[in-house]
PDB file of N, CA and C in Angstrom:
ATOM      1  N   MET A   1      11.203   7.923  12.999  1.00  0.00           N
ATOM      2  CA  MET A   1      12.103   6.974  12.366  1.00  0.00           C
ATOM      3  C   MET A   1      11.638   6.700  10.947  1.00  0.00           C
ATOM      4  N   SER A   2      12.517   6.793  10.025  1.00  0.00           N
ATOM      5  CA  SER A   2      12.211   6.630   8.611  1.00  0.00           C
ATOM      6  C   SER A   2      12.487   5.197   8.170  1.00  0.00           C
ATOM      7  N   ILE A   3      11.434   4.516   7.700  1.00  0.00           N
ATOM      8  CA  ILE A   3      11.581   3.149   7.202  1.00  0.00           C
ATOM      9  C   ILE A   3      11.025   3.099   5.784  1.00  0.00           C
ATOM     10  N   PRO A   4      11.885   2.884   4.791  1.00  0.00           N
ATOM     11  CA  PRO A   4      11.391   2.765   3.423  1.00  0.00           C
ATOM     12  C   PRO A   4      10.409   1.591   3.316  1.00  0.00           C
ATOM     13  N   THR A   5       9.216   1.878   2.828  1.00  0.00           N
ATOM     14  CA  THR A   5       8.150   0.877   2.823  1.00  0.00           C
ATOM     15  C   THR A   5       7.383   0.904   1.511  1.00  0.00           C
ATOM     16  N   VAL A   6       7.116  -0.275   0.988  1.00  0.00           N
ATOM     17  CA  VAL A   6       6.221  -0.444  -0.164  1.00  0.00           C
ATOM     18  C   VAL A   6       4.872  -0.842   0.410  1.00  0.00           C
ATOM     19  N   TYR A   7       3.795  -0.318  -0.165  1.00  0.00           N
ATOM     20  CA  TYR A   7       2.472  -0.586   0.395  1.00  0.00           C
ATOM     21  C   TYR A   7       1.432  -0.697  -0.706  1.00  0.00           C
ATOM     22  N   ILE A   8       0.317  -1.333  -0.358  1.00  0.00           N
ATOM     23  CA  ILE A   8      -0.822  -1.422  -1.268  1.00  0.00           C
ATOM     24  C   ILE A   8      -2.055  -0.910  -0.530  1.00  0.00           C
ATOM     25  N   MET A   9      -2.745   0.022  -1.168  1.00  0.00           N
ATOM     26  CA  MET A   9      -4.025   0.541  -0.694  1.00  0.00           C
ATOM     27  C   MET A   9      -5.113  -0.052  -1.586  1.00  0.00           C
ATOM     28  N   ALA A  10      -6.302  -0.272  -1.023  1.00  0.00           N
ATOM     29  CA  ALA A  10      -7.417  -0.824  -1.794  1.00  0.00           C
ATOM     30  C   ALA A  10      -8.690  -0.036  -1.502  1.00  0.00           C
ATOM     31  N   SER A  11      -9.598  -0.045  -2.468  1.00  0.00           N
ATOM     32  CA  SER A  11     -10.890   0.611  -2.268  1.00  0.00           C
ATOM     33  C   SER A  11     -11.823  -0.289  -1.457  1.00  0.00           C
ATOM     34  N   ARG A  12     -11.667  -1.590  -1.605  1.00  0.00           N
ATOM     35  CA  ARG A  12     -12.443  -2.606  -0.895  1.00  0.00           C
ATOM     36  C   ARG A  12     -11.821  -3.952  -1.243  1.00  0.00           C
ATOM     37  N   ARG A  13     -12.332  -5.018  -0.671  1.00  0.00           N
ATOM     38  CA  ARG A  13     -11.822  -6.349  -0.999  1.00  0.00           C
ATOM     39  C   ARG A  13     -11.992  -6.601  -2.497  1.00  0.00           C
ATOM     40  N   ASN A  14     -10.911  -6.989  -3.143  1.00  0.00           N
ATOM     41  CA  ASN A  14     -10.871  -7.233  -4.588  1.00  0.00           C
ATOM     42  C   ASN A  14     -11.251  -6.001  -5.408  1.00  0.00           C
ATOM     43  N   GLY A  15     -11.120  -4.828  -4.814  1.00  0.00           N
ATOM     44  CA  GLY A  15     -11.441  -3.586  -5.516  1.00  0.00           C
ATOM     45  C   GLY A  15     -10.220  -3.011  -6.223  1.00  0.00           C
ATOM     46  N   THR A  16     -10.245  -1.711  -6.414  1.00  0.00           N
ATOM     47  CA  THR A  16      -9.146  -1.001  -7.051  1.00  0.00           C
ATOM     48  C   THR A  16      -7.932  -1.016  -6.125  1.00  0.00           C
ATOM     49  N   LEU A  17      -6.747  -1.246  -6.708  1.00  0.00           N
ATOM     50  CA  LEU A  17      -5.505  -1.324  -5.935  1.00  0.00           C
ATOM     51  C   LEU A  17      -4.543  -0.219  -6.346  1.00  0.00           C
ATOM     52  N   TYR A  18      -3.803   0.271  -5.364  1.00  0.00           N
ATOM     53  CA  TYR A  18      -2.760   1.267  -5.612  1.00  0.00           C
ATOM     54  C   TYR A  18      -1.507   0.812  -4.880  1.00  0.00           C
ATOM     55  N   THR A  19      -0.388   0.794  -5.584  1.00  0.00           N
ATOM     56  CA  THR A  19       0.901   0.430  -4.993  1.00  0.00           C
ATOM     57  C   THR A  19       1.761   1.677  -4.906  1.00  0.00           C
ATOM     58  N   GLY A  20       2.355   1.904  -3.744  1.00  0.00           N
ATOM     59  CA  GLY A  20       3.199   3.079  -3.557  1.00  0.00           C
ATOM     60  C   GLY A  20       4.400   2.776  -2.685  1.00  0.00           C
ATOM     61  N   VAL A  21       5.248   3.789  -2.515  1.00  0.00           N
ATOM     62  CA  VAL A  21       6.441   3.676  -1.671  1.00  0.00           C
ATOM     63  C   VAL A  21       6.557   4.967  -0.856  1.00  0.00           C
ATOM     64  N   THR A  22       7.012   4.835   0.373  1.00  0.00           N
ATOM     65  CA  THR A  22       7.134   5.985   1.270  1.00  0.00           C
ATOM     66  C   THR A  22       8.179   5.705   2.328  1.00  0.00           C
ATOM     67  N   SER A  23       8.629   6.776   2.984  1.00  0.00           N
ATOM     68  CA  SER A  23       9.524   6.608   4.123  1.00  0.00           C
ATOM     69  C   SER A  23       8.774   6.801   5.438  1.00  0.00           C
ATOM     70  N   ASP A  24       7.485   7.152   5.355  1.00  0.00           N
ATOM     71  CA  ASP A  24       6.658   7.355   6.553  1.00  0.00           C
ATOM     72  C   ASP A  24       5.270   6.776   6.276  1.00  0.00           C
ATOM     73  N   LEU A  25       5.129   5.481   6.501  1.00  0.00           N
ATOM     74  CA  LEU A  25       3.892   4.785   6.143  1.00  0.00           C
ATOM     75  C   LEU A  25       2.679   5.300   6.899  1.00  0.00           C
ATOM     76  N   ALA A  26       2.808   5.551   8.177  1.00  0.00           N
ATOM     77  CA  ALA A  26       1.655   6.022   8.949  1.00  0.00           C
ATOM     78  C   ALA A  26       1.117   7.338   8.387  1.00  0.00           C
ATOM     79  N   ARG A  27       2.011   8.274   8.104  1.00  0.00           N
ATOM     80  CA  ARG A  27       1.590   9.570   7.552  1.00  0.00           C
ATOM     81  C   ARG A  27       0.962   9.399   6.175  1.00  0.00           C
ATOM     82  N   ARG A  28       1.630   8.614   5.318  1.00  0.00           N
ATOM     83  CA  ARG A  28       1.156   8.448   3.936  1.00  0.00           C
ATOM     84  C   ARG A  28      -0.195   7.727   3.906  1.00  0.00           C
ATOM     85  N   ALA A  29      -0.350   6.687   4.696  1.00  0.00           N
ATOM     86  CA  ALA A  29      -1.622   5.965   4.739  1.00  0.00           C
ATOM     87  C   ALA A  29      -2.734   6.883   5.241  1.00  0.00           C
ATOM     88  N   TYR A  30      -2.428   7.712   6.232  1.00  0.00           N
ATOM     89  CA  TYR A  30      -3.412   8.674   6.739  1.00  0.00           C
ATOM     90  C   TYR A  30      -3.840   9.639   5.627  1.00  0.00           C
ATOM     91  N   GLU A  31      -2.887  10.126   4.859  1.00  0.00           N
ATOM     92  CA  GLU A  31      -3.199  11.040   3.759  1.00  0.00           C
ATOM     93  C   GLU A  31      -4.121  10.373   2.734  1.00  0.00           C
ATOM     94  N   HIS A  32      -3.862   9.117   2.417  1.00  0.00           N
ATOM     95  CA  HIS A  32      -4.737   8.388   1.487  1.00  0.00           C
ATOM     96  C   HIS A  32      -6.124   8.200   2.097  1.00  0.00           C
ATOM     97  N   ARG A  33      -6.180   7.776   3.348  1.00  0.00           N
ATOM     98  CA  ARG A  33      -7.456   7.506   4.026  1.00  0.00           C
ATOM     99  C   ARG A  33      -8.357   8.736   4.066  1.00  0.00           C
ATOM    100  N   GLU A  34      -7.745   9.881   4.310  1.00  0.00           N
ATOM    101  CA  GLU A  34      -8.508  11.118   4.465  1.00  0.00           C
ATOM    102  C   GLU A  34      -8.725  11.864   3.148  1.00  0.00           C
ATOM    103  N   GLY A  35      -8.200  11.318   2.053  1.00  0.00           N
ATOM    104  CA  GLY A  35      -8.360  11.970   0.759  1.00  0.00           C
ATOM    105  C   GLY A  35      -7.588  13.269   0.641  1.00  0.00           C
ATOM    106  N   LEU A  36      -6.471  13.378   1.331  1.00  0.00           N
ATOM    107  CA  LEU A  36      -5.682  14.600   1.336  1.00  0.00           C
ATOM    108  C   LEU A  36      -4.773  14.726   0.116  1.00  0.00           C
ATOM    109  N   ILE A  37      -4.623  13.649  -0.638  1.00  0.00           N
ATOM    110  CA  ILE A  37      -3.744  13.637  -1.799  1.00  0.00           C
ATOM    111  C   ILE A  37      -4.601  13.553  -3.056  1.00  0.00           C
ATOM    112  N   SER A  38      -4.493  14.560  -3.912  1.00  0.00           N
ATOM    113  CA  SER A  38      -5.233  14.524  -5.173  1.00  0.00           C
ATOM    114  C   SER A  38      -4.610  13.451  -6.068  1.00  0.00           C
ATOM    115  N   GLY A  39      -5.441  12.806  -6.848  1.00  0.00           N
ATOM    116  CA  GLY A  39      -4.926  11.818  -7.782  1.00  0.00           C
ATOM    117  C   GLY A  39      -5.665  10.500  -7.701  1.00  0.00           C
ATOM    118  N   PHE A  40      -4.968   9.443  -8.082  1.00  0.00           N
ATOM    119  CA  PHE A  40      -5.564   8.117  -8.244  1.00  0.00           C
ATOM    120  C   PHE A  40      -6.275   7.618  -6.997  1.00  0.00           C
ATOM    121  N   THR A  41      -5.599   7.646  -5.856  1.00  0.00           N
ATOM    122  CA  THR A  41      -6.199   7.056  -4.650  1.00  0.00           C
ATOM    123  C   THR A  41      -7.429   7.832  -4.194  1.00  0.00           C
ATOM    124  N   LYS A  42      -7.417   9.134  -4.357  1.00  0.00           N
ATOM    125  CA  LYS A  42      -8.585   9.930  -3.984  1.00  0.00           C
ATOM    126  C   LYS A  42      -9.732   9.669  -4.955  1.00  0.00           C
ATOM    127  N   GLN A  43      -9.422   9.652  -6.237  1.00  0.00           N
ATOM    128  CA  GLN A  43     -10.436   9.429  -7.274  1.00  0.00           C
ATOM    129  C   GLN A  43     -11.089   8.053  -7.143  1.00  0.00           C
ATOM    130  N   HIS A  44     -10.302   7.032  -6.822  1.00  0.00           N
ATOM    131  CA  HIS A  44     -10.807   5.657  -6.757  1.00  0.00           C
ATOM    132  C   HIS A  44     -11.106   5.198  -5.330  1.00  0.00           C
ATOM    133  N   ARG A  45     -10.983   6.114  -4.369  1.00  0.00           N
ATOM    134  CA  ARG A  45     -11.293   5.848  -2.958  1.00  0.00           C
ATOM    135  C   ARG A  45     -10.498   4.668  -2.384  1.00  0.00           C
ATOM    136  N   CYS A  46      -9.222   4.637  -2.683  1.00  0.00           N
ATOM    137  CA  CYS A  46      -8.335   3.602  -2.132  1.00  0.00           C
ATOM    138  C   CYS A  46      -7.928   4.055  -0.736  1.00  0.00           C
ATOM    139  N   ARG A  47      -8.673   3.608   0.257  1.00  0.00           N
ATOM    140  CA  ARG A  47      -8.482   4.085   1.632  1.00  0.00           C
ATOM    141  C   ARG A  47      -8.060   3.001   2.614  1.00  0.00           C
ATOM    142  N   LEU A  48      -8.016   1.762   2.179  1.00  0.00           N
ATOM    143  CA  LEU A  48      -7.654   0.656   3.072  1.00  0.00           C
ATOM    144  C   LEU A  48      -6.202   0.255   2.840  1.00  0.00           C
ATOM    145  N   LEU A  49      -5.407   0.285   3.887  1.00  0.00           N
ATOM    146  CA  LEU A  49      -4.035  -0.217   3.813  1.00  0.00           C
ATOM    147  C   LEU A  49      -4.120  -1.734   3.986  1.00  0.00           C
ATOM    148  N   VAL A  50      -3.875  -2.475   2.914  1.00  0.00           N
ATOM    149  CA  VAL A  50      -4.081  -3.926   2.970  1.00  0.00           C
ATOM    150  C   VAL A  50      -2.784  -4.737   2.944  1.00  0.00           C
ATOM    151  N   TRP A  51      -1.654  -4.093   2.636  1.00  0.00           N
ATOM    152  CA  TRP A  51      -0.374  -4.804   2.581  1.00  0.00           C
ATOM    153  C   TRP A  51       0.762  -3.799   2.673  1.00  0.00           C
ATOM    154  N   TYR A  52       1.841  -4.181   3.354  1.00  0.00           N
ATOM    155  CA  TYR A  52       3.056  -3.364   3.330  1.00  0.00           C
ATOM    156  C   TYR A  52       4.264  -4.220   3.641  1.00  0.00           C
ATOM    157  N   GLU A  53       5.426  -3.695   3.220  1.00  0.00           N
ATOM    158  CA  GLU A  53       6.683  -4.423   3.364  1.00  0.00           C
ATOM    159  C   GLU A  53       7.808  -3.409   3.549  1.00  0.00           C
ATOM    160  N   GLY A  54       8.521  -3.491   4.665  1.00  0.00           N
ATOM    161  CA  GLY A  54       9.629  -2.583   4.944  1.00  0.00           C
ATOM    162  C   GLY A  54      10.914  -3.031   4.271  1.00  0.00           C
ATOM    163  N   HIS A  55      11.785  -2.065   3.981  1.00  0.00           N
ATOM    164  CA  HIS A  55      13.077  -2.339   3.337  1.00  0.00           C
ATOM    165  C   HIS A  55      14.185  -1.570   4.034  1.00  0.00           C
ATOM    166  N   GLU A  56      15.413  -2.024   3.860  1.00  0.00           N
ATOM    167  CA  GLU A  56      16.555  -1.379   4.497  1.00  0.00           C
ATOM    168  C   GLU A  56      16.884  -0.033   3.882  1.00  0.00           C
ATOM    169  N   THR A  57      16.707   0.091   2.566  1.00  0.00           N
ATOM    170  CA  THR A  57      17.047   1.344   1.892  1.00  0.00           C
ATOM    171  C   THR A  57      15.925   1.737   0.938  1.00  0.00           C
ATOM    172  N   MET A  58      15.854   3.039   0.626  1.00  0.00           N
ATOM    173  CA  MET A  58      14.850   3.515  -0.310  1.00  0.00           C
ATOM    174  C   MET A  58      15.068   2.942  -1.721  1.00  0.00           C
ATOM    175  N   PRO A  59      16.309   2.831  -2.213  1.00  0.00           N
ATOM    176  CA  PRO A  59      16.482   2.210  -3.536  1.00  0.00           C
ATOM    177  C   PRO A  59      15.926   0.783  -3.605  1.00  0.00           C
ATOM    178  N   HIS A  60      16.081   0.001  -2.517  1.00  0.00           N
ATOM    179  CA  HIS A  60      15.509  -1.352  -2.494  1.00  0.00           C
ATOM    180  C   HIS A  60      13.982  -1.284  -2.515  1.00  0.00           C
ATOM    181  N   ALA A  61      13.421  -0.357  -1.754  1.00  0.00           N
ATOM    182  CA  ALA A  61      11.962  -0.211  -1.713  1.00  0.00           C
ATOM    183  C   ALA A  61      11.423   0.208  -3.079  1.00  0.00           C
ATOM    184  N   ILE A  62      12.098   1.134  -3.740  1.00  0.00           N
ATOM    185  CA  ILE A  62      11.659   1.593  -5.065  1.00  0.00           C
ATOM    186  C   ILE A  62      11.735   0.463  -6.080  1.00  0.00           C
ATOM    187  N   ALA A  63      12.804  -0.330  -6.020  1.00  0.00           N
ATOM    188  CA  ALA A  63      12.931  -1.470  -6.940  1.00  0.00           C
ATOM    189  C   ALA A  63      11.803  -2.472  -6.711  1.00  0.00           C
ATOM    190  N   ARG A  64      11.462  -2.723  -5.461  1.00  0.00           N
ATOM    191  CA  ARG A  64      10.365  -3.652  -5.134  1.00  0.00           C
ATOM    192  C   ARG A  64       9.030  -3.088  -5.599  1.00  0.00           C
ATOM    193  N   GLU A  65       8.818  -1.785  -5.412  1.00  0.00           N
ATOM    194  CA  GLU A  65       7.585  -1.150  -5.884  1.00  0.00           C
ATOM    195  C   GLU A  65       7.435  -1.339  -7.390  1.00  0.00           C
ATOM    196  N   LYS A  66       8.505  -1.107  -8.130  1.00  0.00           N
ATOM    197  CA  LYS A  66       8.460  -1.274  -9.593  1.00  0.00           C
ATOM    198  C   LYS A  66       8.170  -2.718  -9.965  1.00  0.00           C
ATOM    199  N   GLN A  67       8.748  -3.665  -9.221  1.00  0.00           N
ATOM    200  CA  GLN A  67       8.500  -5.080  -9.480  1.00  0.00           C
ATOM    201  C   GLN A  67       7.023  -5.405  -9.273  1.00  0.00           C
ATOM    202  N   ILE A  68       6.451  -4.916  -8.191  1.00  0.00           N
ATOM    203  CA  ILE A  68       5.041  -5.178  -7.890  1.00  0.00           C
ATOM    204  C   ILE A  68       4.140  -4.512  -8.921  1.00  0.00           C
ATOM    205  N   LYS A  69       4.424  -3.253  -9.239  1.00  0.00           N
ATOM    206  CA  LYS A  69       3.614  -2.541 -10.230  1.00  0.00           C
ATOM    207  C   LYS A  69       3.672  -3.218 -11.592  1.00  0.00           C
ATOM    208  N   GLY A  70       4.809  -3.824 -11.916  1.00  0.00           N
ATOM    209  CA  GLY A  70       4.964  -4.510 -13.199  1.00  0.00           C
ATOM    210  C   GLY A  70       4.299  -5.872 -13.240  1.00  0.00           C
ATOM    211  N   GLY A  71       3.889  -6.369 -12.084  1.00  0.00           N
ATOM    212  CA  GLY A  71       3.255  -7.682 -12.011  1.00  0.00           C
ATOM    213  C   GLY A  71       1.759  -7.610 -12.305  1.00  0.00           C
ATOM    214  N   SER A  72       1.163  -8.745 -12.319  1.00  0.00           N
ATOM    215  CA  SER A  72      -0.265  -8.837 -12.612  1.00  0.00           C
ATOM    216  C   SER A  72      -1.111  -8.460 -11.399  1.00  0.00           C
ATOM    217  N   ARG A  73      -2.353  -8.162 -11.659  1.00  0.00           N
ATOM    218  CA  ARG A  73      -3.300  -7.889 -10.580  1.00  0.00           C
ATOM    219  C   ARG A  73      -3.402  -9.114  -9.672  1.00  0.00           C
ATOM    220  N   GLN A  74      -3.411 -10.299 -10.266  1.00  0.00           N
ATOM    221  CA  GLN A  74      -3.514 -11.531  -9.489  1.00  0.00           C
ATOM    222  C   GLN A  74      -2.316 -11.697  -8.556  1.00  0.00           C
ATOM    223  N   ALA A  75      -1.141 -11.290  -9.009  1.00  0.00           N
ATOM    224  CA  ALA A  75       0.052 -11.369  -8.154  1.00  0.00           C
ATOM    225  C   ALA A  75      -0.087 -10.421  -6.961  1.00  0.00           C
ATOM    226  N   LYS A  76      -0.639  -9.220  -7.190  1.00  0.00           N
ATOM    227  CA  LYS A  76      -0.856  -8.272  -6.095  1.00  0.00           C
ATOM    228  C   LYS A  76      -1.866  -8.834  -5.094  1.00  0.00           C
ATOM    229  N   ILE A  77      -2.937  -9.418  -5.587  1.00  0.00           N
ATOM    230  CA  ILE A  77      -3.936 -10.029  -4.710  1.00  0.00           C
ATOM    231  C   ILE A  77      -3.298 -11.161  -3.913  1.00  0.00           C
ATOM    232  N   GLY A  78      -2.431 -11.936  -4.545  1.00  0.00           N
ATOM    233  CA  GLY A  78      -1.726 -13.004  -3.848  1.00  0.00           C
ATOM    234  C   GLY A  78      -0.861 -12.475  -2.709  1.00  0.00           C
ATOM    235  N   LEU A  79      -0.154 -11.364  -2.945  1.00  0.00           N
ATOM    236  CA  LEU A  79       0.648 -10.736  -1.879  1.00  0.00           C
ATOM    237  C   LEU A  79      -0.237 -10.347  -0.703  1.00  0.00           C
ATOM    238  N   ILE A  80      -1.349  -9.693  -1.011  1.00  0.00           N
ATOM    239  CA  ILE A  80      -2.267  -9.244   0.040  1.00  0.00           C
ATOM    240  C   ILE A  80      -2.779 -10.431   0.830  1.00  0.00           C
ATOM    241  N   GLU A  81      -3.282 -11.430   0.140  1.00  0.00           N
ATOM    242  CA  GLU A  81      -3.948 -12.546   0.811  1.00  0.00           C
ATOM    243  C   GLU A  81      -2.985 -13.460   1.555  1.00  0.00           C
ATOM    244  N   THR A  82      -1.689 -13.371   1.252  1.00  0.00           N
ATOM    245  CA  THR A  82      -0.701 -14.152   1.997  1.00  0.00           C
ATOM    246  C   THR A  82      -0.619 -13.675   3.448  1.00  0.00           C
ATOM    247  N   ILE A  83      -0.653 -12.351   3.643  1.00  0.00           N
ATOM    248  CA  ILE A  83      -0.545 -11.834   5.016  1.00  0.00           C
ATOM    249  C   ILE A  83      -1.865 -11.289   5.558  1.00  0.00           C
ATOM    250  N   ASN A  84      -2.826 -11.056   4.684  1.00  0.00           N
ATOM    251  CA  ASN A  84      -4.071 -10.411   5.096  1.00  0.00           C
ATOM    252  C   ASN A  84      -5.254 -11.008   4.328  1.00  0.00           C
ATOM    253  N   PRO A  85      -5.564 -12.289   4.553  1.00  0.00           N
ATOM    254  CA  PRO A  85      -6.595 -12.965   3.761  1.00  0.00           C
ATOM    255  C   PRO A  85      -7.991 -12.349   3.876  1.00  0.00           C
ATOM    256  N   GLN A  86      -8.265 -11.638   4.955  1.00  0.00           N
ATOM    257  CA  GLN A  86      -9.578 -11.014   5.139  1.00  0.00           C
ATOM    258  C   GLN A  86      -9.609  -9.572   4.638  1.00  0.00           C
ATOM    259  N   TRP A  87      -8.489  -9.079   4.129  1.00  0.00           N
ATOM    260  CA  TRP A  87      -8.379  -7.711   3.621  1.00  0.00           C
ATOM    261  C   TRP A  87      -8.735  -6.690   4.712  1.00  0.00           C
ATOM    262  N   HIS A  88      -8.287  -6.924   5.937  1.00  0.00           N
ATOM    263  CA  HIS A  88      -8.500  -5.957   7.011  1.00  0.00           C
ATOM    264  C   HIS A  88      -7.679  -4.703   6.735  1.00  0.00           C
ATOM    265  N   ASP A  89      -8.137  -3.581   7.223  1.00  0.00           N
ATOM    266  CA  ASP A  89      -7.390  -2.349   7.136  1.00  0.00           C
ATOM    267  C   ASP A  89      -6.261  -2.399   8.151  1.00  0.00           C
ATOM    268  N   LEU A  90      -5.032  -2.413   7.698  1.00  0.00           N
ATOM    269  CA  LEU A  90      -3.869  -2.558   8.571  1.00  0.00           C
ATOM    270  C   LEU A  90      -3.398  -1.231   9.166  1.00  0.00           C
ATOM    271  N   TYR A  91      -4.075  -0.160   8.838  1.00  0.00           N
ATOM    272  CA  TYR A  91      -3.684   1.153   9.345  1.00  0.00           C
ATOM    273  C   TYR A  91      -3.608   1.161  10.880  1.00  0.00           C
ATOM    274  N   GLN A  92      -4.568   0.506  11.521  1.00  0.00           N
ATOM    275  CA  GLN A  92      -4.607   0.495  12.989  1.00  0.00           C
ATOM    276  C   GLN A  92      -3.389  -0.207  13.592  1.00  0.00           C
ATOM    277  N   THR A  93      -2.744  -1.081  12.836  1.00  0.00           N
ATOM    278  CA  THR A  93      -1.578  -1.805  13.356  1.00  0.00           C
ATOM    279  C   THR A  93      -0.326  -0.942  13.368  1.00  0.00           C
ATOM    280  N   LEU A  94      -0.376   0.236  12.768  1.00  0.00           N
ATOM    281  CA  LEU A  94       0.805   1.097  12.668  1.00  0.00           C
ATOM    282  C   LEU A  94       1.051   1.903  13.933  1.00  0.00           C
ATOM    283  N   ALA A  95       0.044   2.060  14.767  1.00  0.00           N
ATOM    284  CA  ALA A  95       0.171   2.926  15.956  1.00  0.00           C
ATOM    285  C   ALA A  95       0.999   2.317  17.045  1.00  0.00           C
TER     286      ALA A  95
END
């Protein structure tokens, strides 16, 4: 089942953050965790899924991703800490 989702990966609590969008969060988070994708998340070791938000359509998810990316680091931390104050890896909750 395809669910357009915006997500944030982190290297550690208050570490480097990466915001992305996907239609298959479990697969995409696994790719980040295992370093299967060359680029920012692999280079900065962003392996913890710390926040995600599902959307009805991919255009809505992309618009939300752009909004989050355009915001401040503090705003991203606020999003994370609203639902995940301990910065737990939420990957296990996807199964």
